[in-house]
Amino acid sequence: MTAAAINITNILQDVLSLPLPERSYIAERLIVSLDDDGELSPAWRAELDARVKRRESGETRSHSREEVHQEIEAILA
């Protein structure tokens, strides 16, 4: 593993441990950085806003990496 890969892994672990609002902000900024003009399309903005609203209202919930791995292992067992 290269030094860059280790740094990316550490950064990702740090970001995933942040509270939802901070993770949402970082995700939005990353998506914006991928767009040529630096702006989200109205459709993407509406989708992101809807997802954040559903998460904040409790309609949906996030799953930790450990939970996902446990569920996959249970399915494969």
C-alpha atoms as a PDB file:
ATOM      1  CA  MET A   1       0.000   0.000   0.000  1.00  0.00           C
ATOM      2  CA  THR A   2       1.385   3.414  -0.930  1.00  0.00           C
ATOM      3  CA  ALA A   3       1.668   6.364   1.410  1.00  0.00           C
ATOM      4  CA  ALA A   4      -1.113   8.081  -0.546  1.00  0.00           C
ATOM      5  CA  ALA A   5      -3.405   5.081  -0.094  1.00  0.00           C
ATOM      6  CA  ILE A   6      -2.708   5.010   3.636  1.00  0.00           C
ATOM      7  CA  ASN A   7      -3.510   8.707   3.911  1.00  0.00           C
ATOM      8  CA  ILE A   8      -6.739   8.228   1.947  1.00  0.00           C
ATOM      9  CA  THR A   9      -7.708   5.307   4.188  1.00  0.00           C
ATOM     10  CA  ASN A  10      -7.044   7.360   7.312  1.00  0.00           C
ATOM     11  CA  ILE A  11      -8.937  10.325   5.934  1.00  0.00           C
ATOM     12  CA  LEU A  12     -11.913   8.146   5.013  1.00  0.00           C
ATOM     13  CA  GLN A  13     -11.989   6.534   8.460  1.00  0.00           C
ATOM     14  CA  ASP A  14     -11.852   9.970  10.088  1.00  0.00           C
ATOM     15  CA  VAL A  15     -14.634  11.335   7.889  1.00  0.00           C
ATOM     16  CA  LEU A  16     -16.876   8.311   8.449  1.00  0.00           C
ATOM     17  CA  SER A  17     -16.595   8.813  12.199  1.00  0.00           C
ATOM     18  CA  LEU A  18     -17.986  12.370  11.979  1.00  0.00           C
ATOM     19  CA  PRO A  19     -21.595  13.230  12.838  1.00  0.00           C
ATOM     20  CA  LEU A  20     -24.093  13.225   9.967  1.00  0.00           C
ATOM     21  CA  PRO A  21     -24.157  16.982   9.291  1.00  0.00           C
ATOM     22  CA  GLU A  22     -20.387  17.096   8.821  1.00  0.00           C
ATOM     23  CA  ARG A  23     -20.394  13.958   6.638  1.00  0.00           C
ATOM     24  CA  SER A  24     -23.216  15.424   4.536  1.00  0.00           C
ATOM     25  CA  TYR A  25     -21.289  18.652   4.072  1.00  0.00           C
ATOM     26  CA  ILE A  26     -18.144  16.788   2.996  1.00  0.00           C
ATOM     27  CA  ALA A  27     -20.132  14.557   0.630  1.00  0.00           C
ATOM     28  CA  GLU A  28     -21.747  17.590  -0.974  1.00  0.00           C
ATOM     29  CA  ARG A  29     -18.408  19.353  -1.402  1.00  0.00           C
ATOM     30  CA  LEU A  30     -16.909  16.236  -3.013  1.00  0.00           C
ATOM     31  CA  ILE A  31     -19.826  15.918  -5.422  1.00  0.00           C
ATOM     32  CA  VAL A  32     -19.559  19.600  -6.304  1.00  0.00           C
ATOM     33  CA  SER A  33     -15.842  19.158  -6.952  1.00  0.00           C
ATOM     34  CA  LEU A  34     -16.634  16.499  -9.564  1.00  0.00           C
ATOM     35  CA  ASP A  35     -18.930  18.771 -11.548  1.00  0.00           C
ATOM     36  CA  ASP A  36     -17.279  20.749 -14.351  1.00  0.00           C
ATOM     37  CA  ASP A  37     -18.710  24.125 -13.387  1.00  0.00           C
ATOM     38  CA  GLY A  38     -18.547  23.568  -9.623  1.00  0.00           C
ATOM     39  CA  GLU A  39     -22.301  23.804  -9.107  1.00  0.00           C
ATOM     40  CA  LEU A  40     -24.826  21.089  -8.405  1.00  0.00           C
ATOM     41  CA  SER A  41     -27.612  20.748 -10.912  1.00  0.00           C
ATOM     42  CA  PRO A  42     -31.062  21.586  -9.539  1.00  0.00           C
ATOM     43  CA  ALA A  43     -31.956  17.878  -9.692  1.00  0.00           C
ATOM     44  CA  TRP A  44     -28.869  16.853  -7.681  1.00  0.00           C
ATOM     45  CA  ARG A  45     -29.453  19.644  -5.170  1.00  0.00           C
ATOM     46  CA  ALA A  46     -33.072  18.519  -4.681  1.00  0.00           C
ATOM     47  CA  GLU A  47     -31.993  14.874  -4.285  1.00  0.00           C
ATOM     48  CA  LEU A  48     -29.297  15.687  -1.732  1.00  0.00           C
ATOM     49  CA  ASP A  49     -31.644  17.947   0.210  1.00  0.00           C
ATOM     50  CA  ALA A  50     -34.309  15.221   0.246  1.00  0.00           C
ATOM     51  CA  ARG A  51     -31.827  12.607   1.459  1.00  0.00           C
ATOM     52  CA  VAL A  52     -30.538  14.818   4.252  1.00  0.00           C
ATOM     53  CA  LYS A  53     -34.112  15.675   5.288  1.00  0.00           C
ATOM     54  CA  ARG A  54     -35.100  11.968   5.399  1.00  0.00           C
ATOM     55  CA  ARG A  55     -32.019  11.150   7.470  1.00  0.00           C
ATOM     56  CA  GLU A  56     -32.502  14.027   9.895  1.00  0.00           C
ATOM     57  CA  SER A  57     -36.194  13.199  10.349  1.00  0.00           C
ATOM     58  CA  GLY A  58     -35.383   9.580  11.210  1.00  0.00           C
ATOM     59  CA  GLU A  59     -37.166   8.231   8.142  1.00  0.00           C
ATOM     60  CA  THR A  60     -33.923   6.553   7.110  1.00  0.00           C
ATOM     61  CA  ARG A  61     -30.886   5.637   9.136  1.00  0.00           C
ATOM     62  CA  SER A  62     -27.267   5.058   8.397  1.00  0.00           C
ATOM     63  CA  HIS A  63     -25.504   1.766   9.019  1.00  0.00           C
ATOM     64  CA  SER A  64     -22.012   1.399  10.363  1.00  0.00           C
ATOM     65  CA  ARG A  65     -19.452  -0.526   8.388  1.00  0.00           C
ATOM     66  CA  GLU A  66     -19.515  -3.172  11.127  1.00  0.00           C
ATOM     67  CA  GLU A  67     -23.301  -3.585  10.814  1.00  0.00           C
ATOM     68  CA  VAL A  68     -23.062  -3.997   7.059  1.00  0.00           C
ATOM     69  CA  HIS A  69     -20.266  -6.563   7.359  1.00  0.00           C
ATOM     70  CA  GLN A  70     -22.251  -8.514   9.974  1.00  0.00           C
ATOM     71  CA  GLU A  71     -25.327  -8.577   7.743  1.00  0.00           C
ATOM     72  CA  ILE A  72     -23.300  -9.734   4.748  1.00  0.00           C
ATOM     73  CA  GLU A  73     -21.602 -12.457   6.775  1.00  0.00           C
ATOM     74  CA  ALA A  74     -24.984 -13.633   8.077  1.00  0.00           C
ATOM     75  CA  ILE A  75     -26.325 -13.850   4.514  1.00  0.00           C
ATOM     76  CA  LEU A  76     -23.271 -15.747   3.331  1.00  0.00           C
ATOM     77  CA  ALA A  77     -23.220 -18.136   6.297  1.00  0.00           C
END
